[in-house]
Structures are given as C-alpha cells and as structure tokens.
Amino acid sequence: MLFSSPFKKLQPEKFGVEPDLAMLTFSRVRSADSAAFALTFSPLKHFQRAAMALLILVPFLAGCGFQLRGSATVPPEMAYTYIETSDRHSLFYRRLRDSFRTAGVEVTESAVNATAVFSIASDDTGQRVLSVSARNVPTEYEVYYTVVYGVQTEEKNLLPVRSQTLTRDYTWDETLVLGKEKEEQLLREAIVDDLVRVILIQLSGI
C-alpha cells in the first residue's frame, strides 16, 4: 500500500538527496507485534527508465532505416553532389540543399566536379478545393507538393527516378484571409520538410 505526505515535512536533505530530485515512496514493514514505516528515496527514477528505454529503441529504429533528425547519412558516392534543377529558388531545392550540407555532403555548382547528380525532374506545388459551402464558397483546401527525382553516378543509378507527393489540408475562412494564407505557407513548408526527410531515409538505405 502506498502513502503520500507533504514533501517539506520529510527533510530529504538529511539523506543526501536533493528535494527537487527525490521521489518519495513509503513501504510498509510489518512485524509480529507492531507496524513501522520505512522511507526510501528513488532519485530520478523516471528519468533513468526513460534513458534506458531510449538506449534500447535507438538501435532498433536505426535497423529499420529510421534516422533521428540531424543524423541522416548518405552513400559515400554522394560526397560531392550536384543538384540538377530548373528552379533554384524553389522551396524544395533550398531545403534539400541545406539538408545535404547538414548531412556532410558538399553541394557543387557544376556536375563536372560532382561524384553524383541529384536530378529534380519535376518540382510542383499548389492547392485544390476539397469542399464547398451551400453558397459554393470553398471551405476546405488541400495543399500538395510533388517532386520527381533520381540520383546517378558515372557508374550507376543510386536512386532510380521516382515520384513523391505529400498533401495536407486546412479549413478556409473568408473572414481570415491573411491568417489562412499564412497557414497555407506553413503547411507547404512542413510538407517540404517531410519530403526531404523521406528522401534522406531512402538514401540512407542504399
């Protein structure tokens, strides 16, 4: 049976335990002719359990191809990569370039100096109406982003050309035009971040 009591009355500092770190539990000790209570301290018990769980999960997740954010790996053939695209101002291109650099890839300005070429054949985004009101006014939109890409070296195709589309939707309110336009932009940025993350995971599995 567990009991609790106001912490300030227990004075845990006498036991060498910091008050804000200690967790208190009472265990009842039974004897033949009387009952006594033993006080035990478990500092940071929950933190220790969480740390142990993390140590167990990380190798498992890594084995499944999952990469923690900021720890993505790419094939060694992509040490010097040229990103081939018709639009160097697109949100996807800029986020992909920055993520490659974070992963240790040197993004070159020319394919001549590259060991691999990441080709962006298509980079398209927009939004479409999902639902309308009785007055035929849009009430819900879907934001989409589609990219077609592949990775080649002189010897082989590291990543065959493929298409990836991600979407997110949001409700529309014609009285909150500016706020909804901002929401649309934030959703588009989140979609691009997810696209880049998917691509990095694909590259990590090569």
N, C-alpha and C. Protein backbone atom coordinates (compact mmCIF):
# COMPACT_ATOMS: atom_id res chain seq x y z
N MET A 1 0.85 -1.19 0.00
CA MET A 1 0.00 0.00 0.00
C MET A 1 0.89 1.24 0.00
N LEU A 2 0.57 2.22 -0.83
CA LEU A 2 1.38 3.43 -0.95
C LEU A 2 0.73 4.58 -0.21
N PHE A 3 1.57 5.41 0.40
CA PHE A 3 1.10 6.57 1.14
C PHE A 3 1.85 7.79 0.64
N SER A 4 1.26 8.93 0.79
CA SER A 4 1.95 10.17 0.40
C SER A 4 1.84 11.18 1.52
N SER A 5 2.75 12.12 1.53
CA SER A 5 2.79 13.13 2.57
C SER A 5 3.45 14.37 2.02
N PRO A 6 3.11 15.57 2.51
CA PRO A 6 3.79 16.80 2.04
C PRO A 6 5.30 16.66 2.13
N PHE A 7 5.99 17.00 1.06
CA PHE A 7 7.43 16.78 0.97
C PHE A 7 8.22 17.60 1.99
N LYS A 8 7.74 18.78 2.30
CA LYS A 8 8.53 19.67 3.15
C LYS A 8 8.70 19.11 4.56
N LYS A 9 7.85 18.20 4.98
CA LYS A 9 7.96 17.66 6.32
C LYS A 9 8.99 16.54 6.41
N LEU A 10 9.44 16.04 5.25
CA LEU A 10 10.29 14.86 5.26
C LEU A 10 11.78 15.18 5.34
N GLN A 11 12.16 16.39 4.98
CA GLN A 11 13.55 16.84 5.02
C GLN A 11 14.50 15.83 4.36
N PRO A 12 14.36 15.58 3.07
CA PRO A 12 15.20 14.59 2.40
C PRO A 12 16.67 14.96 2.34
N GLU A 13 17.00 16.25 2.58
CA GLU A 13 18.41 16.64 2.54
C GLU A 13 19.25 15.93 3.59
N LYS A 14 18.61 15.46 4.65
CA LYS A 14 19.34 14.72 5.68
C LYS A 14 19.86 13.39 5.14
N PHE A 15 19.25 12.92 4.07
CA PHE A 15 19.66 11.66 3.48
C PHE A 15 20.57 11.87 2.27
N GLY A 16 20.96 13.12 2.03
CA GLY A 16 21.84 13.41 0.90
C GLY A 16 21.11 13.46 -0.43
N VAL A 17 19.79 13.71 -0.42
CA VAL A 17 19.01 13.75 -1.64
C VAL A 17 18.45 15.14 -1.84
N GLU A 18 18.60 15.67 -3.05
CA GLU A 18 18.07 16.99 -3.35
C GLU A 18 16.54 16.94 -3.31
N PRO A 19 15.89 17.91 -2.70
CA PRO A 19 14.43 17.90 -2.57
C PRO A 19 13.71 17.88 -3.90
N ASP A 20 14.25 18.63 -4.90
CA ASP A 20 13.54 18.72 -6.17
C ASP A 20 13.80 17.52 -7.06
N LEU A 21 14.71 16.63 -6.66
CA LEU A 21 15.01 15.46 -7.48
C LEU A 21 14.46 14.18 -6.87
N ALA A 22 14.20 14.20 -5.59
CA ALA A 22 13.80 12.98 -4.91
C ALA A 22 12.35 12.63 -5.18
N MET A 23 12.09 11.36 -5.29
CA MET A 23 10.74 10.86 -5.36
C MET A 23 10.54 9.98 -4.13
N LEU A 24 9.47 10.19 -3.44
CA LEU A 24 9.28 9.54 -2.16
C LEU A 24 8.26 8.43 -2.23
N THR A 25 8.59 7.32 -1.68
CA THR A 25 7.63 6.23 -1.58
C THR A 25 7.73 5.63 -0.19
N PHE A 26 6.63 5.25 0.34
CA PHE A 26 6.60 4.60 1.64
C PHE A 26 6.33 3.12 1.45
N SER A 27 7.11 2.31 2.05
CA SER A 27 6.83 0.88 2.04
C SER A 27 6.52 0.44 3.46
N ARG A 28 5.45 -0.19 3.60
CA ARG A 28 5.03 -0.59 4.94
C ARG A 28 5.71 -1.89 5.35
N VAL A 29 6.30 -1.86 6.51
CA VAL A 29 7.01 -3.03 7.02
C VAL A 29 6.19 -3.62 8.16
N ARG A 30 5.80 -4.83 7.99
CA ARG A 30 5.00 -5.48 9.01
C ARG A 30 5.88 -6.32 9.94
N SER A 31 5.56 -6.31 11.21
CA SER A 31 6.24 -7.17 12.18
C SER A 31 5.18 -7.88 12.99
N ALA A 32 5.59 -8.76 13.85
CA ALA A 32 4.64 -9.60 14.59
C ALA A 32 3.78 -8.78 15.54
N ASP A 33 4.35 -7.80 16.21
CA ASP A 33 3.60 -7.07 17.21
C ASP A 33 3.42 -5.59 16.94
N SER A 34 3.98 -5.07 15.83
CA SER A 34 3.84 -3.65 15.54
C SER A 34 4.03 -3.40 14.06
N ALA A 35 3.68 -2.21 13.63
CA ALA A 35 3.86 -1.82 12.23
C ALA A 35 4.74 -0.59 12.19
N ALA A 36 5.72 -0.60 11.29
CA ALA A 36 6.62 0.54 11.14
C ALA A 36 6.64 0.94 9.68
N PHE A 37 7.18 2.10 9.43
CA PHE A 37 7.25 2.59 8.07
C PHE A 37 8.70 2.90 7.72
N ALA A 38 9.12 2.40 6.59
CA ALA A 38 10.48 2.67 6.12
C ALA A 38 10.40 3.64 4.95
N LEU A 39 11.23 4.64 4.99
CA LEU A 39 11.24 5.68 3.96
C LEU A 39 12.36 5.38 2.97
N THR A 40 12.00 5.34 1.69
CA THR A 40 13.01 5.09 0.67
C THR A 40 12.95 6.19 -0.36
N PHE A 41 14.10 6.54 -0.89
CA PHE A 41 14.22 7.58 -1.90
C PHE A 41 14.64 6.96 -3.22
N SER A 42 14.05 7.44 -4.32
CA SER A 42 14.40 6.95 -5.65
C SER A 42 14.69 8.15 -6.55
N PRO A 43 15.86 8.79 -6.45
CA PRO A 43 16.16 9.98 -7.25
C PRO A 43 16.17 9.68 -8.74
N LEU A 44 15.44 10.51 -9.46
CA LEU A 44 15.46 10.45 -10.92
C LEU A 44 15.07 9.08 -11.47
N LYS A 45 14.24 8.37 -10.78
CA LYS A 45 13.89 7.02 -11.22
C LYS A 45 13.24 7.04 -12.60
N HIS A 46 12.33 7.97 -12.81
CA HIS A 46 11.66 8.01 -14.10
C HIS A 46 12.61 8.42 -15.21
N PHE A 47 13.52 9.32 -14.91
CA PHE A 47 14.50 9.73 -15.92
C PHE A 47 15.39 8.56 -16.33
N GLN A 48 15.81 7.76 -15.35
CA GLN A 48 16.66 6.62 -15.63
C GLN A 48 15.94 5.60 -16.50
N ARG A 49 14.66 5.38 -16.20
CA ARG A 49 13.90 4.44 -17.00
C ARG A 49 13.74 4.93 -18.44
N ALA A 50 13.49 6.23 -18.59
CA ALA A 50 13.33 6.80 -19.93
C ALA A 50 14.63 6.69 -20.72
N ALA A 51 15.76 6.95 -20.05
CA ALA A 51 17.06 6.85 -20.72
C ALA A 51 17.33 5.42 -21.16
N MET A 52 16.99 4.45 -20.32
CA MET A 52 17.21 3.05 -20.67
C MET A 52 16.34 2.66 -21.86
N ALA A 53 15.09 3.13 -21.87
CA ALA A 53 14.19 2.83 -22.99
C ALA A 53 14.73 3.41 -24.29
N LEU A 54 15.29 4.62 -24.23
CA LEU A 54 15.85 5.26 -25.41
C LEU A 54 17.02 4.47 -25.95
N LEU A 55 17.89 3.99 -25.04
CA LEU A 55 19.05 3.21 -25.47
C LEU A 55 18.63 1.92 -26.16
N ILE A 56 17.50 1.38 -25.74
CA ILE A 56 17.02 0.14 -26.35
C ILE A 56 16.39 0.42 -27.71
N LEU A 57 15.66 1.55 -27.82
CA LEU A 57 14.91 1.84 -29.03
C LEU A 57 15.78 2.34 -30.17
N VAL A 58 16.84 3.10 -29.87
CA VAL A 58 17.64 3.70 -30.93
C VAL A 58 18.23 2.66 -31.89
N PRO A 59 18.89 1.57 -31.40
CA PRO A 59 19.41 0.58 -32.34
C PRO A 59 18.30 -0.07 -33.15
N PHE A 60 17.14 -0.31 -32.52
CA PHE A 60 16.03 -0.92 -33.24
C PHE A 60 15.54 -0.03 -34.37
N LEU A 61 15.36 1.27 -34.08
CA LEU A 61 14.89 2.20 -35.09
C LEU A 61 15.90 2.36 -36.20
N ALA A 62 17.18 2.40 -35.85
CA ALA A 62 18.22 2.53 -36.87
C ALA A 62 18.22 1.31 -37.78
N GLY A 63 17.96 0.12 -37.21
CA GLY A 63 17.92 -1.09 -38.01
C GLY A 63 16.75 -1.10 -38.97
N CYS A 64 15.70 -0.34 -38.67
CA CYS A 64 14.53 -0.26 -39.54
C CYS A 64 14.69 0.81 -40.61
N GLY A 65 15.83 1.48 -40.63
CA GLY A 65 16.04 2.53 -41.62
C GLY A 65 15.66 3.90 -41.13
N PHE A 66 15.23 4.01 -39.90
CA PHE A 66 14.82 5.30 -39.34
C PHE A 66 16.06 6.06 -38.89
N GLN A 67 16.07 7.36 -39.15
CA GLN A 67 17.19 8.19 -38.74
C GLN A 67 16.68 9.32 -37.87
N LEU A 68 17.35 9.56 -36.76
CA LEU A 68 16.99 10.70 -35.93
C LEU A 68 17.29 11.98 -36.70
N ARG A 69 16.48 13.00 -36.46
CA ARG A 69 16.66 14.26 -37.17
C ARG A 69 18.06 14.81 -36.93
N GLY A 70 18.73 15.21 -38.03
CA GLY A 70 20.06 15.76 -37.90
C GLY A 70 21.15 14.71 -37.97
N SER A 71 20.76 13.40 -38.06
CA SER A 71 21.77 12.35 -38.09
C SER A 71 21.67 11.52 -39.37
N ALA A 72 21.07 12.08 -40.44
CA ALA A 72 20.89 11.35 -41.68
C ALA A 72 22.25 11.05 -42.32
N THR A 73 22.32 9.90 -42.98
CA THR A 73 23.54 9.53 -43.69
C THR A 73 23.21 9.35 -45.16
N VAL A 74 24.20 9.54 -46.02
CA VAL A 74 24.01 9.35 -47.45
C VAL A 74 25.13 8.46 -47.95
N PRO A 75 24.97 7.83 -49.11
CA PRO A 75 26.03 6.98 -49.65
C PRO A 75 27.32 7.75 -49.87
N PRO A 76 28.47 7.12 -49.71
CA PRO A 76 29.76 7.81 -49.90
C PRO A 76 29.93 8.37 -51.30
N GLU A 77 29.24 7.76 -52.29
CA GLU A 77 29.33 8.26 -53.66
C GLU A 77 28.77 9.67 -53.80
N MET A 78 27.99 10.10 -52.80
CA MET A 78 27.38 11.43 -52.87
C MET A 78 28.18 12.47 -52.09
N ALA A 79 29.44 12.20 -51.83
CA ALA A 79 30.27 13.15 -51.09
C ALA A 79 30.28 14.52 -51.75
N TYR A 80 30.29 14.52 -53.09
CA TYR A 80 30.22 15.77 -53.86
C TYR A 80 29.04 15.64 -54.82
N THR A 81 27.98 16.33 -54.51
CA THR A 81 26.74 16.16 -55.26
C THR A 81 26.30 17.45 -55.93
N TYR A 82 25.90 17.32 -57.17
CA TYR A 82 25.33 18.44 -57.91
C TYR A 82 23.82 18.24 -57.98
N ILE A 83 23.06 19.25 -57.61
CA ILE A 83 21.60 19.17 -57.67
C ILE A 83 21.14 19.81 -58.98
N GLU A 84 20.65 18.98 -59.88
CA GLU A 84 20.21 19.44 -61.19
C GLU A 84 18.74 19.81 -61.13
N THR A 85 18.42 21.06 -61.38
CA THR A 85 17.04 21.53 -61.32
C THR A 85 16.86 22.74 -62.23
N SER A 86 15.62 22.96 -62.63
CA SER A 86 15.32 24.13 -63.45
C SER A 86 14.91 25.32 -62.60
N ASP A 87 14.76 25.10 -61.30
CA ASP A 87 14.31 26.19 -60.40
C ASP A 87 15.12 26.15 -59.10
N ARG A 88 16.14 26.97 -59.03
CA ARG A 88 16.97 27.02 -57.84
C ARG A 88 16.39 27.91 -56.74
N HIS A 89 15.23 28.44 -57.00
CA HIS A 89 14.59 29.27 -55.98
C HIS A 89 13.42 28.56 -55.30
N SER A 90 13.15 27.35 -55.72
CA SER A 90 12.01 26.63 -55.13
C SER A 90 12.31 26.27 -53.68
N LEU A 91 11.25 26.15 -52.92
CA LEU A 91 11.39 25.80 -51.50
C LEU A 91 12.02 24.43 -51.35
N PHE A 92 11.63 23.48 -52.19
CA PHE A 92 12.17 22.13 -52.09
C PHE A 92 13.68 22.11 -52.36
N TYR A 93 14.10 22.80 -53.40
CA TYR A 93 15.53 22.82 -53.73
C TYR A 93 16.35 23.39 -52.56
N ARG A 94 15.89 24.48 -52.00
CA ARG A 94 16.64 25.13 -50.92
C ARG A 94 16.71 24.26 -49.66
N ARG A 95 15.59 23.62 -49.33
CA ARG A 95 15.59 22.75 -48.14
C ARG A 95 16.44 21.50 -48.37
N LEU A 96 16.38 20.94 -49.57
CA LEU A 96 17.17 19.76 -49.89
C LEU A 96 18.67 20.09 -49.84
N ARG A 97 19.04 21.20 -50.44
CA ARG A 97 20.44 21.64 -50.44
C ARG A 97 20.96 21.81 -49.01
N ASP A 98 20.19 22.47 -48.17
CA ASP A 98 20.62 22.70 -46.78
C ASP A 98 20.73 21.38 -46.01
N SER A 99 19.80 20.45 -46.27
CA SER A 99 19.83 19.16 -45.58
C SER A 99 21.02 18.33 -46.03
N PHE A 100 21.37 18.40 -47.31
CA PHE A 100 22.55 17.70 -47.79
C PHE A 100 23.80 18.22 -47.09
N ARG A 101 23.90 19.52 -46.98
CA ARG A 101 25.07 20.11 -46.33
C ARG A 101 25.15 19.71 -44.87
N THR A 102 23.99 19.67 -44.20
CA THR A 102 23.97 19.24 -42.80
C THR A 102 24.42 17.79 -42.67
N ALA A 103 24.11 16.97 -43.68
CA ALA A 103 24.49 15.56 -43.65
C ALA A 103 25.94 15.34 -44.07
N GLY A 104 26.66 16.42 -44.37
CA GLY A 104 28.08 16.30 -44.71
C GLY A 104 28.36 16.24 -46.20
N VAL A 105 27.34 16.47 -47.03
CA VAL A 105 27.53 16.46 -48.48
C VAL A 105 27.96 17.83 -48.95
N GLU A 106 28.95 17.87 -49.83
CA GLU A 106 29.36 19.14 -50.43
C GLU A 106 28.56 19.32 -51.72
N VAL A 107 27.69 20.31 -51.73
CA VAL A 107 26.86 20.58 -52.91
C VAL A 107 27.67 21.42 -53.88
N THR A 108 27.95 20.88 -55.05
CA THR A 108 28.79 21.55 -56.03
C THR A 108 27.96 22.45 -56.94
N GLU A 109 28.64 23.38 -57.60
CA GLU A 109 27.99 24.30 -58.52
C GLU A 109 27.98 23.78 -59.94
N SER A 110 28.67 22.67 -60.16
CA SER A 110 28.75 22.10 -61.50
C SER A 110 28.78 20.58 -61.42
N ALA A 111 28.17 19.94 -62.41
CA ALA A 111 28.17 18.47 -62.46
C ALA A 111 29.56 17.93 -62.76
N VAL A 112 30.40 18.76 -63.36
CA VAL A 112 31.76 18.32 -63.72
C VAL A 112 32.55 17.96 -62.47
N ASN A 113 32.35 18.69 -61.39
CA ASN A 113 33.11 18.46 -60.17
C ASN A 113 32.39 17.54 -59.18
N ALA A 114 31.31 16.93 -59.62
CA ALA A 114 30.50 16.12 -58.71
C ALA A 114 30.76 14.63 -58.87
N THR A 115 30.59 13.91 -57.79
CA THR A 115 30.66 12.44 -57.83
C THR A 115 29.27 11.84 -58.02
N ALA A 116 28.23 12.66 -57.84
CA ALA A 116 26.86 12.20 -58.04
C ALA A 116 25.99 13.39 -58.44
N VAL A 117 24.91 13.10 -59.14
CA VAL A 117 23.97 14.13 -59.55
C VAL A 117 22.59 13.77 -59.03
N PHE A 118 22.02 14.69 -58.26
CA PHE A 118 20.65 14.54 -57.81
C PHE A 118 19.78 15.34 -58.76
N SER A 119 19.00 14.64 -59.58
CA SER A 119 18.19 15.30 -60.60
C SER A 119 16.77 15.51 -60.12
N ILE A 120 16.31 16.75 -60.21
CA ILE A 120 14.92 17.08 -59.89
C ILE A 120 14.22 17.31 -61.23
N ALA A 121 13.49 16.29 -61.69
CA ALA A 121 12.82 16.38 -62.98
C ALA A 121 11.56 17.22 -62.91
N SER A 122 10.91 17.22 -61.75
CA SER A 122 9.69 18.00 -61.56
C SER A 122 9.62 18.49 -60.13
N ASP A 123 9.19 19.75 -59.97
CA ASP A 123 9.08 20.38 -58.66
C ASP A 123 7.82 21.24 -58.70
N ASP A 124 6.70 20.66 -58.24
CA ASP A 124 5.41 21.31 -58.43
C ASP A 124 4.63 21.37 -57.12
N THR A 125 4.01 22.51 -56.87
CA THR A 125 3.19 22.67 -55.67
C THR A 125 1.98 23.54 -55.97
N GLY A 126 0.96 23.43 -55.13
CA GLY A 126 -0.25 24.22 -55.32
C GLY A 126 -1.30 23.78 -54.31
N GLN A 127 -2.52 24.18 -54.55
CA GLN A 127 -3.61 23.75 -53.68
C GLN A 127 -4.87 23.55 -54.50
N ARG A 128 -5.76 22.71 -54.00
CA ARG A 128 -7.02 22.45 -54.69
C ARG A 128 -8.15 22.41 -53.67
N VAL A 129 -9.37 22.70 -54.15
CA VAL A 129 -10.54 22.75 -53.28
C VAL A 129 -10.97 21.33 -52.91
N LEU A 130 -11.20 21.12 -51.63
CA LEU A 130 -11.69 19.82 -51.16
C LEU A 130 -13.19 19.84 -50.92
N SER A 131 -13.71 20.96 -50.44
CA SER A 131 -15.15 21.05 -50.17
C SER A 131 -15.62 22.49 -50.29
N VAL A 132 -16.91 22.65 -50.53
CA VAL A 132 -17.51 23.98 -50.66
C VAL A 132 -18.76 24.07 -49.80
N SER A 133 -19.18 25.30 -49.52
CA SER A 133 -20.38 25.54 -48.72
C SER A 133 -21.62 25.50 -49.62
N ALA A 134 -22.77 25.71 -49.00
CA ALA A 134 -24.02 25.74 -49.76
C ALA A 134 -24.03 26.90 -50.75
N ARG A 135 -23.24 27.92 -50.49
CA ARG A 135 -23.14 29.07 -51.40
C ARG A 135 -22.04 28.88 -52.44
N ASN A 136 -21.52 27.66 -52.50
CA ASN A 136 -20.45 27.31 -53.44
C ASN A 136 -19.15 28.05 -53.16
N VAL A 137 -18.93 28.36 -51.90
CA VAL A 137 -17.69 29.01 -51.47
C VAL A 137 -16.78 27.94 -50.85
N PRO A 138 -15.51 27.91 -51.26
CA PRO A 138 -14.60 26.89 -50.70
C PRO A 138 -14.53 26.97 -49.17
N THR A 139 -14.60 25.82 -48.55
CA THR A 139 -14.50 25.75 -47.08
C THR A 139 -13.29 24.93 -46.65
N GLU A 140 -12.71 24.19 -47.58
CA GLU A 140 -11.55 23.37 -47.23
C GLU A 140 -10.64 23.22 -48.45
N TYR A 141 -9.35 23.38 -48.22
CA TYR A 141 -8.36 23.25 -49.28
C TYR A 141 -7.36 22.15 -48.95
N GLU A 142 -6.75 21.62 -50.00
CA GLU A 142 -5.66 20.65 -49.84
C GLU A 142 -4.41 21.24 -50.48
N VAL A 143 -3.34 21.33 -49.71
CA VAL A 143 -2.05 21.79 -50.22
C VAL A 143 -1.25 20.56 -50.63
N TYR A 144 -0.66 20.59 -51.81
CA TYR A 144 0.11 19.44 -52.28
C TYR A 144 1.49 19.88 -52.75
N TYR A 145 2.41 18.94 -52.72
CA TYR A 145 3.76 19.18 -53.25
C TYR A 145 4.23 17.88 -53.89
N THR A 146 4.61 17.94 -55.16
CA THR A 146 5.06 16.77 -55.90
C THR A 146 6.45 17.00 -56.44
N VAL A 147 7.32 16.02 -56.24
CA VAL A 147 8.66 16.08 -56.82
C VAL A 147 8.96 14.75 -57.52
N VAL A 148 9.66 14.85 -58.63
CA VAL A 148 10.15 13.68 -59.36
C VAL A 148 11.66 13.79 -59.37
N TYR A 149 12.36 12.76 -58.91
CA TYR A 149 13.80 12.89 -58.69
C TYR A 149 14.50 11.54 -58.84
N GLY A 150 15.81 11.62 -58.93
CA GLY A 150 16.64 10.42 -59.00
C GLY A 150 18.08 10.81 -58.76
N VAL A 151 18.93 9.82 -58.48
CA VAL A 151 20.35 10.08 -58.20
C VAL A 151 21.21 9.16 -59.07
N GLN A 152 22.16 9.76 -59.80
CA GLN A 152 23.04 8.99 -60.66
C GLN A 152 24.51 9.30 -60.37
N THR A 153 25.35 8.29 -60.61
CA THR A 153 26.79 8.49 -60.63
C THR A 153 27.26 8.09 -62.03
N GLU A 154 28.55 8.15 -62.28
CA GLU A 154 29.06 7.74 -63.58
C GLU A 154 28.85 6.26 -63.82
N GLU A 155 28.86 5.48 -62.74
CA GLU A 155 28.78 4.03 -62.88
C GLU A 155 27.36 3.47 -62.83
N LYS A 156 26.46 4.12 -62.06
CA LYS A 156 25.15 3.50 -61.86
C LYS A 156 24.12 4.53 -61.38
N ASN A 157 22.87 4.06 -61.33
CA ASN A 157 21.79 4.84 -60.73
C ASN A 157 21.69 4.47 -59.26
N LEU A 158 22.05 5.40 -58.41
CA LEU A 158 21.94 5.13 -56.98
C LEU A 158 20.48 5.07 -56.55
N LEU A 159 19.67 5.95 -57.12
CA LEU A 159 18.25 6.01 -56.79
C LEU A 159 17.48 6.19 -58.09
N PRO A 160 16.79 5.14 -58.55
CA PRO A 160 16.02 5.25 -59.80
C PRO A 160 14.99 6.37 -59.71
N VAL A 161 14.67 6.97 -60.84
CA VAL A 161 13.72 8.08 -60.87
C VAL A 161 12.38 7.65 -60.28
N ARG A 162 11.87 8.47 -59.41
CA ARG A 162 10.59 8.18 -58.77
C ARG A 162 9.85 9.47 -58.48
N SER A 163 8.55 9.34 -58.20
CA SER A 163 7.70 10.49 -57.89
C SER A 163 7.19 10.38 -56.46
N GLN A 164 7.16 11.52 -55.79
CA GLN A 164 6.69 11.55 -54.40
C GLN A 164 5.76 12.74 -54.23
N THR A 165 4.57 12.48 -53.71
CA THR A 165 3.60 13.55 -53.46
C THR A 165 3.11 13.48 -52.02
N LEU A 166 3.13 14.61 -51.35
CA LEU A 166 2.59 14.70 -50.00
C LEU A 166 1.56 15.82 -49.96
N THR A 167 0.55 15.65 -49.13
CA THR A 167 -0.52 16.64 -49.04
C THR A 167 -0.89 16.91 -47.59
N ARG A 168 -1.46 18.08 -47.39
CA ARG A 168 -2.07 18.45 -46.11
C ARG A 168 -3.26 19.35 -46.40
N ASP A 169 -4.28 19.30 -45.56
CA ASP A 169 -5.45 20.13 -45.81
C ASP A 169 -5.71 21.09 -44.65
N TYR A 170 -6.48 22.12 -44.96
CA TYR A 170 -6.84 23.10 -43.95
C TYR A 170 -8.20 23.71 -44.29
N THR A 171 -8.88 24.20 -43.28
CA THR A 171 -10.19 24.83 -43.49
C THR A 171 -10.00 26.28 -43.90
N TRP A 172 -10.94 26.77 -44.71
CA TRP A 172 -10.85 28.14 -45.23
C TRP A 172 -11.92 29.01 -44.59
N ASP A 173 -11.53 30.21 -44.24
CA ASP A 173 -12.45 31.19 -43.67
C ASP A 173 -12.23 32.50 -44.40
N GLU A 174 -13.20 32.93 -45.17
CA GLU A 174 -13.03 34.13 -45.99
C GLU A 174 -12.91 35.40 -45.16
N THR A 175 -13.21 35.33 -43.86
CA THR A 175 -13.06 36.49 -42.99
C THR A 175 -11.65 36.56 -42.39
N LEU A 176 -10.85 35.52 -42.62
CA LEU A 176 -9.50 35.47 -42.06
C LEU A 176 -8.50 35.19 -43.18
N VAL A 177 -8.56 35.99 -44.22
CA VAL A 177 -7.76 35.74 -45.42
C VAL A 177 -6.27 35.72 -45.12
N LEU A 178 -5.77 36.74 -44.45
CA LEU A 178 -4.33 36.82 -44.19
C LEU A 178 -3.85 35.65 -43.32
N GLY A 179 -4.62 35.34 -42.30
CA GLY A 179 -4.23 34.24 -41.42
C GLY A 179 -4.23 32.91 -42.14
N LYS A 180 -5.21 32.70 -43.03
CA LYS A 180 -5.28 31.45 -43.76
C LYS A 180 -4.18 31.34 -44.81
N GLU A 181 -3.81 32.45 -45.41
CA GLU A 181 -2.69 32.43 -46.36
C GLU A 181 -1.39 32.06 -45.65
N LYS A 182 -1.21 32.56 -44.44
CA LYS A 182 -0.04 32.19 -43.65
C LYS A 182 -0.07 30.72 -43.29
N GLU A 183 -1.24 30.23 -42.95
CA GLU A 183 -1.39 28.81 -42.62
C GLU A 183 -1.03 27.94 -43.82
N GLU A 184 -1.46 28.36 -45.00
CA GLU A 184 -1.14 27.62 -46.22
C GLU A 184 0.38 27.55 -46.42
N GLN A 185 1.07 28.66 -46.22
CA GLN A 185 2.51 28.69 -46.39
C GLN A 185 3.22 27.79 -45.38
N LEU A 186 2.76 27.82 -44.14
CA LEU A 186 3.36 26.97 -43.11
C LEU A 186 3.15 25.50 -43.42
N LEU A 187 1.98 25.16 -43.93
CA LEU A 187 1.71 23.77 -44.31
C LEU A 187 2.62 23.34 -45.45
N ARG A 188 2.83 24.23 -46.42
CA ARG A 188 3.70 23.91 -47.54
C ARG A 188 5.14 23.67 -47.06
N GLU A 189 5.60 24.48 -46.14
CA GLU A 189 6.95 24.30 -45.59
C GLU A 189 7.05 22.97 -44.84
N ALA A 190 6.01 22.62 -44.11
CA ALA A 190 6.02 21.35 -43.38
C ALA A 190 6.03 20.17 -44.34
N ILE A 191 5.30 20.29 -45.45
CA ILE A 191 5.28 19.23 -46.46
C ILE A 191 6.67 19.04 -47.06
N VAL A 192 7.33 20.14 -47.38
CA VAL A 192 8.67 20.06 -47.97
C VAL A 192 9.65 19.42 -46.98
N ASP A 193 9.56 19.79 -45.73
CA ASP A 193 10.42 19.17 -44.72
C ASP A 193 10.21 17.66 -44.67
N ASP A 194 8.95 17.23 -44.78
CA ASP A 194 8.65 15.80 -44.79
C ASP A 194 9.18 15.13 -46.05
N LEU A 195 9.07 15.80 -47.18
CA LEU A 195 9.60 15.25 -48.44
C LEU A 195 11.11 15.03 -48.34
N VAL A 196 11.81 16.04 -47.85
CA VAL A 196 13.26 15.94 -47.72
C VAL A 196 13.63 14.81 -46.76
N ARG A 197 12.86 14.69 -45.67
CA ARG A 197 13.12 13.63 -44.70
C ARG A 197 12.94 12.25 -45.33
N VAL A 198 11.90 12.10 -46.15
CA VAL A 198 11.66 10.83 -46.84
C VAL A 198 12.82 10.50 -47.77
N ILE A 199 13.30 11.49 -48.50
CA ILE A 199 14.39 11.27 -49.44
C ILE A 199 15.67 10.88 -48.71
N LEU A 200 15.95 11.54 -47.59
CA LEU A 200 17.15 11.20 -46.82
C LEU A 200 17.07 9.78 -46.28
N ILE A 201 15.90 9.36 -45.87
CA ILE A 201 15.73 7.98 -45.39
C ILE A 201 15.96 6.99 -46.54
N GLN A 202 15.45 7.33 -47.74
CA GLN A 202 15.68 6.47 -48.90
C GLN A 202 17.17 6.36 -49.21
N LEU A 203 17.87 7.48 -49.15
CA LEU A 203 19.31 7.48 -49.43
C LEU A 203 20.08 6.72 -48.34
N SER A 204 19.61 6.80 -47.12
CA SER A 204 20.29 6.10 -46.02
C SER A 204 20.23 4.59 -46.19
N GLY A 205 19.19 4.14 -46.91
CA GLY A 205 19.03 2.69 -47.10
C GLY A 205 19.79 2.12 -48.29
N ILE A 206 20.47 2.96 -49.03
CA ILE A 206 21.21 2.47 -50.21
C ILE A 206 22.50 1.77 -49.78
